[in-house]
Amino acid sequence: SLISPAEFIPLAERTGRIASITWFVVEEVCDFLRRNPTLREVSISINLPMPQLMSKGFMPRLNSIVDRAGIPHRNICLEFTERAILENFEQTQEIMKQLTLDGYRFLLDDFGTGYSNFNCLLQLPFQFIKLDACLVQPTERKEHNDSMVRTLTNLFHDMDLQVIAEGVEASDTVKTLQAFGVDRIQGFALARPMPEDLLLDFYEELSKCADCVE
């Protein structure tokens, strides 16, 4: 039966198996892109545990997998949260610098969950900011949240950062976010998880408006 990531990811982290799961996912995704050239230019975002980023040999292994699949490094976005970054800021900063020189891009996850630090954004080479679902899903404080999303989107654009809204589940929310200038969306309003064959058909249709989705 299916087990939610919310259940098995924390267990994998506690038992020290999260790195092996992450490498498995990276290899599977890269191999899928290698076997389907029409998806070769699709950007892939990888949720990365911070200990794995800092582990010895991380960059050579990542390069080996990505290069073997013939994927441009710029199409791989490494994604992590502020909390993980700030716990190891100086080391993270140096590793991100090296990976940026190698062509990889970075995505800050879950912005707006109460740990937001603009100093972090100014000192690290992010290209994308993901607004947490708590800011975009309908709540009793919708007007307050809308104002926050609009303000943050304008601010991040001024910082030359792209904004992605996560947890988008309703079509009217998509329209609101478009009006606010949000660059991309992630969530069930766009699609639910699907097997490879359905993904290929889905992407063929989606490519007609690829600039507005993630």
C-alpha atoms as a PDB file:
ATOM      1  CA  SER A   1       0.000   0.000   0.000  1.00  0.00           C
ATOM      2  CA  LEU A   2       1.032   3.625  -0.385  1.00  0.00           C
ATOM      3  CA  ILE A   3       2.854   5.309   2.484  1.00  0.00           C
ATOM      4  CA  SER A   4       2.878   9.102   2.689  1.00  0.00           C
ATOM      5  CA  PRO A   5       6.250  10.881   2.480  1.00  0.00           C
ATOM      6  CA  ALA A   6       5.157  12.717   5.628  1.00  0.00           C
ATOM      7  CA  GLU A   7       5.466   9.336   7.348  1.00  0.00           C
ATOM      8  CA  PHE A   8       8.491   7.676   5.758  1.00  0.00           C
ATOM      9  CA  ILE A   9      10.765  10.706   5.234  1.00  0.00           C
ATOM     10  CA  PRO A  10      11.053  11.552   8.973  1.00  0.00           C
ATOM     11  CA  LEU A  11      11.669   7.850   9.648  1.00  0.00           C
ATOM     12  CA  ALA A  12      14.390   7.751   6.985  1.00  0.00           C
ATOM     13  CA  GLU A  13      16.011  10.840   8.504  1.00  0.00           C
ATOM     14  CA  ARG A  14      15.979   9.349  12.006  1.00  0.00           C
ATOM     15  CA  THR A  15      17.472   6.051  10.842  1.00  0.00           C
ATOM     16  CA  GLY A  16      20.120   7.604   8.590  1.00  0.00           C
ATOM     17  CA  ARG A  17      18.663   6.278   5.331  1.00  0.00           C
ATOM     18  CA  ILE A  18      17.546   9.540   3.779  1.00  0.00           C
ATOM     19  CA  ALA A  19      20.731   9.910   1.710  1.00  0.00           C
ATOM     20  CA  SER A  20      20.295   6.546  -0.007  1.00  0.00           C
ATOM     21  CA  ILE A  21      16.661   7.404  -0.810  1.00  0.00           C
ATOM     22  CA  THR A  22      17.684  10.775  -2.242  1.00  0.00           C
ATOM     23  CA  TRP A  23      20.383   9.249  -4.468  1.00  0.00           C
ATOM     24  CA  PHE A  24      17.899   6.620  -5.669  1.00  0.00           C
ATOM     25  CA  VAL A  25      15.412   9.336  -6.636  1.00  0.00           C
ATOM     26  CA  VAL A  26      18.082  11.419  -8.400  1.00  0.00           C
ATOM     27  CA  GLU A  27      19.271   8.437 -10.433  1.00  0.00           C
ATOM     28  CA  GLU A  28      15.742   7.348 -11.368  1.00  0.00           C
ATOM     29  CA  VAL A  29      14.675  10.835 -12.454  1.00  0.00           C
ATOM     30  CA  CYS A  30      17.828  11.457 -14.480  1.00  0.00           C
ATOM     31  CA  ASP A  31      17.501   8.081 -16.180  1.00  0.00           C
ATOM     32  CA  PHE A  32      13.859   8.857 -16.995  1.00  0.00           C
ATOM     33  CA  LEU A  33      14.910  12.127 -18.639  1.00  0.00           C
ATOM     34  CA  ARG A  34      17.680  10.322 -20.552  1.00  0.00           C
ATOM     35  CA  ARG A  35      15.137   7.855 -21.959  1.00  0.00           C
ATOM     36  CA  ASN A  36      12.742  10.637 -22.968  1.00  0.00           C
ATOM     37  CA  PRO A  37      14.586  13.309 -24.980  1.00  0.00           C
ATOM     38  CA  THR A  38      11.449  15.469 -25.266  1.00  0.00           C
ATOM     39  CA  LEU A  39      11.814  16.163 -21.527  1.00  0.00           C
ATOM     40  CA  ARG A  40      15.544  16.845 -21.662  1.00  0.00           C
ATOM     41  CA  GLU A  41      15.091  20.580 -21.064  1.00  0.00           C
ATOM     42  CA  VAL A  42      12.692  20.143 -18.149  1.00  0.00           C
ATOM     43  CA  SER A  43      13.989  21.570 -14.860  1.00  0.00           C
ATOM     44  CA  ILE A  44      14.087  19.130 -11.962  1.00  0.00           C
ATOM     45  CA  SER A  45      13.910  20.253  -8.352  1.00  0.00           C
ATOM     46  CA  ILE A  46      15.535  17.968  -5.762  1.00  0.00           C
ATOM     47  CA  ASN A  47      14.725  18.277  -2.050  1.00  0.00           C
ATOM     48  CA  LEU A  48      18.153  17.850  -0.543  1.00  0.00           C
ATOM     49  CA  PRO A  49      18.974  16.947   3.084  1.00  0.00           C
ATOM     50  CA  MET A  50      21.652  19.323   4.336  1.00  0.00           C
ATOM     51  CA  PRO A  51      23.978  16.577   5.698  1.00  0.00           C
ATOM     52  CA  GLN A  52      23.992  15.063   2.214  1.00  0.00           C
ATOM     53  CA  LEU A  53      24.937  18.369   0.604  1.00  0.00           C
ATOM     54  CA  MET A  54      27.885  18.602   2.989  1.00  0.00           C
ATOM     55  CA  SER A  55      28.970  15.005   2.654  1.00  0.00           C
ATOM     56  CA  LYS A  56      32.332  14.177   1.102  1.00  0.00           C
ATOM     57  CA  GLY A  57      32.070  13.421  -2.580  1.00  0.00           C
ATOM     58  CA  PHE A  58      28.596  14.914  -3.027  1.00  0.00           C
ATOM     59  CA  MET A  59      29.422  17.111  -6.030  1.00  0.00           C
ATOM     60  CA  PRO A  60      31.396  14.486  -8.018  1.00  0.00           C
ATOM     61  CA  ARG A  61      28.619  11.939  -7.531  1.00  0.00           C
ATOM     62  CA  LEU A  62      25.920  14.404  -8.548  1.00  0.00           C
ATOM     63  CA  ASN A  63      27.927  15.438 -11.618  1.00  0.00           C
ATOM     64  CA  SER A  64      28.424  11.822 -12.590  1.00  0.00           C
ATOM     65  CA  ILE A  65      24.707  11.015 -12.484  1.00  0.00           C
ATOM     66  CA  VAL A  66      23.615  14.196 -14.263  1.00  0.00           C
ATOM     67  CA  ASP A  67      26.340  14.040 -16.928  1.00  0.00           C
ATOM     68  CA  ARG A  68      25.690  10.359 -17.647  1.00  0.00           C
ATOM     69  CA  ALA A  69      22.079  11.265 -18.420  1.00  0.00           C
ATOM     70  CA  GLY A  70      23.169  14.155 -20.667  1.00  0.00           C
ATOM     71  CA  ILE A  71      21.271  16.735 -18.613  1.00  0.00           C
ATOM     72  CA  PRO A  72      22.543  20.345 -18.483  1.00  0.00           C
ATOM     73  CA  HIS A  73      23.494  21.256 -14.928  1.00  0.00           C
ATOM     74  CA  ARG A  74      21.316  24.375 -15.125  1.00  0.00           C
ATOM     75  CA  ASN A  75      18.258  22.107 -15.308  1.00  0.00           C
ATOM     76  CA  ILE A  76      18.908  20.729 -11.828  1.00  0.00           C
ATOM     77  CA  CYS A  77      17.608  22.863  -8.959  1.00  0.00           C
ATOM     78  CA  LEU A  78      18.691  21.925  -5.450  1.00  0.00           C
ATOM     79  CA  GLU A  79      16.056  22.746  -2.875  1.00  0.00           C
ATOM     80  CA  PHE A  80      16.300  23.193   0.883  1.00  0.00           C
ATOM     81  CA  THR A  81      14.836  25.202   3.751  1.00  0.00           C
ATOM     82  CA  GLU A  82      16.174  28.217   5.609  1.00  0.00           C
ATOM     83  CA  ARG A  83      16.277  26.337   8.897  1.00  0.00           C
ATOM     84  CA  ALA A  84      18.670  23.762   7.454  1.00  0.00           C
ATOM     85  CA  ILE A  85      20.823  26.489   5.865  1.00  0.00           C
ATOM     86  CA  LEU A  86      21.142  28.704   8.918  1.00  0.00           C
ATOM     87  CA  GLU A  87      22.265  25.808  11.093  1.00  0.00           C
ATOM     88  CA  ASN A  88      25.360  25.469   8.861  1.00  0.00           C
ATOM     89  CA  PHE A  89      25.479  28.830   7.124  1.00  0.00           C
ATOM     90  CA  GLU A  90      29.163  29.350   6.297  1.00  0.00           C
ATOM     91  CA  GLN A  91      29.722  25.813   5.029  1.00  0.00           C
ATOM     92  CA  THR A  92      26.500  25.913   3.036  1.00  0.00           C
ATOM     93  CA  GLN A  93      27.499  29.241   1.492  1.00  0.00           C
ATOM     94  CA  GLU A  94      30.813  27.828   0.256  1.00  0.00           C
ATOM     95  CA  ILE A  95      29.255  24.653  -1.165  1.00  0.00           C
ATOM     96  CA  MET A  96      26.514  26.630  -2.932  1.00  0.00           C
ATOM     97  CA  LYS A  97      29.172  28.876  -4.448  1.00  0.00           C
ATOM     98  CA  GLN A  98      30.997  25.865  -5.877  1.00  0.00           C
ATOM     99  CA  LEU A  99      27.799  24.306  -7.209  1.00  0.00           C
ATOM    100  CA  THR A 100      26.746  27.606  -8.801  1.00  0.00           C
ATOM    101  CA  LEU A 101      30.057  27.767 -10.659  1.00  0.00           C
ATOM    102  CA  ASP A 102      29.295  24.252 -11.864  1.00  0.00           C
ATOM    103  CA  GLY A 103      25.970  25.431 -13.295  1.00  0.00           C
ATOM    104  CA  TYR A 104      23.432  24.226 -10.739  1.00  0.00           C
ATOM    105  CA  ARG A 105      20.608  26.417  -9.473  1.00  0.00           C
ATOM    106  CA  PHE A 106      18.993  26.759  -6.047  1.00  0.00           C
ATOM    107  CA  LEU A 107      15.502  26.962  -4.652  1.00  0.00           C
ATOM    108  CA  LEU A 108      14.575  28.175  -1.165  1.00  0.00           C
ATOM    109  CA  ASP A 109      11.709  26.064   0.147  1.00  0.00           C
ATOM    110  CA  ASP A 110       8.850  26.905   2.530  1.00  0.00           C
ATOM    111  CA  PHE A 111       9.395  30.658   2.729  1.00  0.00           C
ATOM    112  CA  GLY A 112       6.897  32.185   5.150  1.00  0.00           C
ATOM    113  CA  THR A 113       6.767  29.406   7.751  1.00  0.00           C
ATOM    114  CA  GLY A 114       8.038  31.646  10.538  1.00  0.00           C
ATOM    115  CA  TYR A 115      11.789  31.237  10.075  1.00  0.00           C
ATOM    116  CA  SER A 116      12.290  33.680   7.218  1.00  0.00           C
ATOM    117  CA  ASN A 117      15.573  35.562   7.109  1.00  0.00           C
ATOM    118  CA  PHE A 118      16.207  38.099   4.340  1.00  0.00           C
ATOM    119  CA  ASN A 119      19.897  38.226   5.172  1.00  0.00           C
ATOM    120  CA  CYS A 120      20.041  34.599   4.058  1.00  0.00           C
ATOM    121  CA  LEU A 121      18.601  35.554   0.672  1.00  0.00           C
ATOM    122  CA  LEU A 122      21.053  38.384   0.175  1.00  0.00           C
ATOM    123  CA  GLN A 123      24.129  36.257   0.852  1.00  0.00           C
ATOM    124  CA  LEU A 124      23.257  33.018  -0.923  1.00  0.00           C
ATOM    125  CA  PRO A 125      22.876  32.407  -4.700  1.00  0.00           C
ATOM    126  CA  PHE A 126      19.207  31.469  -4.918  1.00  0.00           C
ATOM    127  CA  GLN A 127      17.281  31.818  -8.171  1.00  0.00           C
ATOM    128  CA  PHE A 128      13.836  30.743  -6.918  1.00  0.00           C
ATOM    129  CA  ILE A 129      11.787  31.323  -3.765  1.00  0.00           C
ATOM    130  CA  LYS A 130       8.912  29.008  -2.908  1.00  0.00           C
ATOM    131  CA  LEU A 131       6.125  30.616  -0.905  1.00  0.00           C
ATOM    132  CA  ASP A 132       4.808  28.152   1.633  1.00  0.00           C
ATOM    133  CA  ALA A 133       1.293  26.778   1.201  1.00  0.00           C
ATOM    134  CA  CYS A 134       0.210  28.549   4.401  1.00  0.00           C
ATOM    135  CA  LEU A 135       0.366  31.838   2.475  1.00  0.00           C
ATOM    136  CA  VAL A 136      -1.603  30.772  -0.599  1.00  0.00           C
ATOM    137  CA  GLN A 137      -4.286  28.368   0.605  1.00  0.00           C
ATOM    138  CA  PRO A 138      -7.672  29.860   1.564  1.00  0.00           C
ATOM    139  CA  THR A 139      -7.927  30.832   5.234  1.00  0.00           C
ATOM    140  CA  GLU A 140      -9.904  33.232   7.428  1.00  0.00           C
ATOM    141  CA  ARG A 141      -7.015  35.677   6.948  1.00  0.00           C
ATOM    142  CA  LYS A 142      -7.193  35.568   3.142  1.00  0.00           C
ATOM    143  CA  GLU A 143      -6.941  39.347   2.664  1.00  0.00           C
ATOM    144  CA  HIS A 144      -3.899  39.491   4.930  1.00  0.00           C
ATOM    145  CA  ASN A 145      -2.267  36.557   3.125  1.00  0.00           C
ATOM    146  CA  ASP A 146      -3.034  38.013  -0.296  1.00  0.00           C
ATOM    147  CA  SER A 147      -1.370  41.259   0.697  1.00  0.00           C
ATOM    148  CA  MET A 148       1.656  39.331   1.949  1.00  0.00           C
ATOM    149  CA  VAL A 149       1.977  37.293  -1.265  1.00  0.00           C
ATOM    150  CA  ARG A 150       1.634  40.387  -3.447  1.00  0.00           C
ATOM    151  CA  THR A 151       4.234  42.300  -1.438  1.00  0.00           C
ATOM    152  CA  LEU A 152       6.707  39.426  -1.290  1.00  0.00           C
ATOM    153  CA  THR A 153       6.360  38.748  -5.011  1.00  0.00           C
ATOM    154  CA  ASN A 154       7.181  42.349  -5.877  1.00  0.00           C
ATOM    155  CA  LEU A 155      10.078  42.377  -3.431  1.00  0.00           C
ATOM    156  CA  PHE A 156      11.595  39.149  -4.753  1.00  0.00           C
ATOM    157  CA  HIS A 157      11.222  40.322  -8.338  1.00  0.00           C
ATOM    158  CA  ASP A 158      13.160  43.452  -7.385  1.00  0.00           C
ATOM    159  CA  MET A 159      15.859  41.095  -6.075  1.00  0.00           C
ATOM    160  CA  ASP A 160      15.851  39.279  -9.443  1.00  0.00           C
ATOM    161  CA  LEU A 161      14.332  36.144  -7.936  1.00  0.00           C
ATOM    162  CA  GLN A 162      11.513  34.056  -9.387  1.00  0.00           C
ATOM    163  CA  VAL A 163       8.554  33.228  -7.139  1.00  0.00           C
ATOM    164  CA  ILE A 164       6.874  29.828  -6.961  1.00  0.00           C
ATOM    165  CA  ALA A 165       3.693  29.289  -4.943  1.00  0.00           C
ATOM    166  CA  GLU A 166       3.341  25.805  -3.475  1.00  0.00           C
ATOM    167  CA  GLY A 167       0.274  24.009  -2.225  1.00  0.00           C
ATOM    168  CA  VAL A 168      -2.002  25.543  -4.886  1.00  0.00           C
ATOM    169  CA  GLU A 169      -5.158  23.451  -5.014  1.00  0.00           C
ATOM    170  CA  ALA A 170      -7.922  25.594  -6.538  1.00  0.00           C
ATOM    171  CA  SER A 171      -8.283  27.189  -9.967  1.00  0.00           C
ATOM    172  CA  ASP A 172      -9.409  30.526  -8.497  1.00  0.00           C
ATOM    173  CA  THR A 173      -6.216  30.593  -6.429  1.00  0.00           C
ATOM    174  CA  VAL A 174      -4.220  30.171  -9.648  1.00  0.00           C
ATOM    175  CA  LYS A 175      -5.921  33.227 -11.153  1.00  0.00           C
ATOM    176  CA  THR A 176      -5.251  35.274  -8.027  1.00  0.00           C
ATOM    177  CA  LEU A 177      -1.576  34.313  -8.008  1.00  0.00           C
ATOM    178  CA  GLN A 178      -1.241  35.168 -11.688  1.00  0.00           C
ATOM    179  CA  ALA A 179      -2.709  38.592 -10.961  1.00  0.00           C
ATOM    180  CA  PHE A 180      -0.112  39.057  -8.203  1.00  0.00           C
ATOM    181  CA  GLY A 181       2.690  38.278 -10.647  1.00  0.00           C
ATOM    182  CA  VAL A 182       3.719  34.906  -9.173  1.00  0.00           C
ATOM    183  CA  ASP A 183       5.916  33.186 -11.763  1.00  0.00           C
ATOM    184  CA  ARG A 184       5.018  29.531 -11.259  1.00  0.00           C
ATOM    185  CA  ILE A 185       2.782  27.243  -9.258  1.00  0.00           C
ATOM    186  CA  GLN A 186       3.109  23.846  -7.656  1.00  0.00           C
ATOM    187  CA  GLY A 187       0.156  21.838  -6.422  1.00  0.00           C
ATOM    188  CA  PHE A 188      -2.932  19.793  -7.171  1.00  0.00           C
ATOM    189  CA  ALA A 189      -4.480  22.647  -9.160  1.00  0.00           C
ATOM    190  CA  LEU A 190      -1.879  21.780 -11.788  1.00  0.00           C
ATOM    191  CA  ALA A 191      -1.591  18.008 -11.361  1.00  0.00           C
ATOM    192  CA  ARG A 192      -1.356  15.134  -8.925  1.00  0.00           C
ATOM    193  CA  PRO A 193       1.444  12.564  -8.865  1.00  0.00           C
ATOM    194  CA  MET A 194       1.245  10.265 -11.884  1.00  0.00           C
ATOM    195  CA  PRO A 195       3.108   7.358 -13.518  1.00  0.00           C
ATOM    196  CA  GLU A 196       5.681   7.953 -16.244  1.00  0.00           C
ATOM    197  CA  ASP A 197       3.465   7.249 -19.250  1.00  0.00           C
ATOM    198  CA  LEU A 198       0.777   9.674 -18.109  1.00  0.00           C
ATOM    199  CA  LEU A 199       3.421  12.277 -17.304  1.00  0.00           C
ATOM    200  CA  LEU A 200       4.681  12.216 -20.891  1.00  0.00           C
ATOM    201  CA  ASP A 201       1.165  12.864 -22.230  1.00  0.00           C
ATOM    202  CA  PHE A 202       0.575  15.511 -19.582  1.00  0.00           C
ATOM    203  CA  TYR A 203       3.785  17.360 -20.363  1.00  0.00           C
ATOM    204  CA  GLU A 204       3.028  17.380 -24.083  1.00  0.00           C
ATOM    205  CA  GLU A 205      -0.149  19.328 -23.339  1.00  0.00           C
ATOM    206  CA  LEU A 206       1.465  21.398 -20.633  1.00  0.00           C
ATOM    207  CA  SER A 207       4.356  22.521 -22.820  1.00  0.00           C
ATOM    208  CA  LYS A 208       1.956  24.877 -24.581  1.00  0.00           C
ATOM    209  CA  CYS A 209       1.969  27.064 -21.455  1.00  0.00           C
ATOM    210  CA  ALA A 210       5.240  25.958 -19.852  1.00  0.00           C
ATOM    211  CA  ASP A 211       6.269  29.470 -18.881  1.00  0.00           C
ATOM    212  CA  CYS A 212       3.608  29.704 -16.197  1.00  0.00           C
ATOM    213  CA  VAL A 213       4.043  26.388 -14.382  1.00  0.00           C
ATOM    214  CA  GLU A 214       6.637  24.416 -12.449  1.00  0.00           C
END
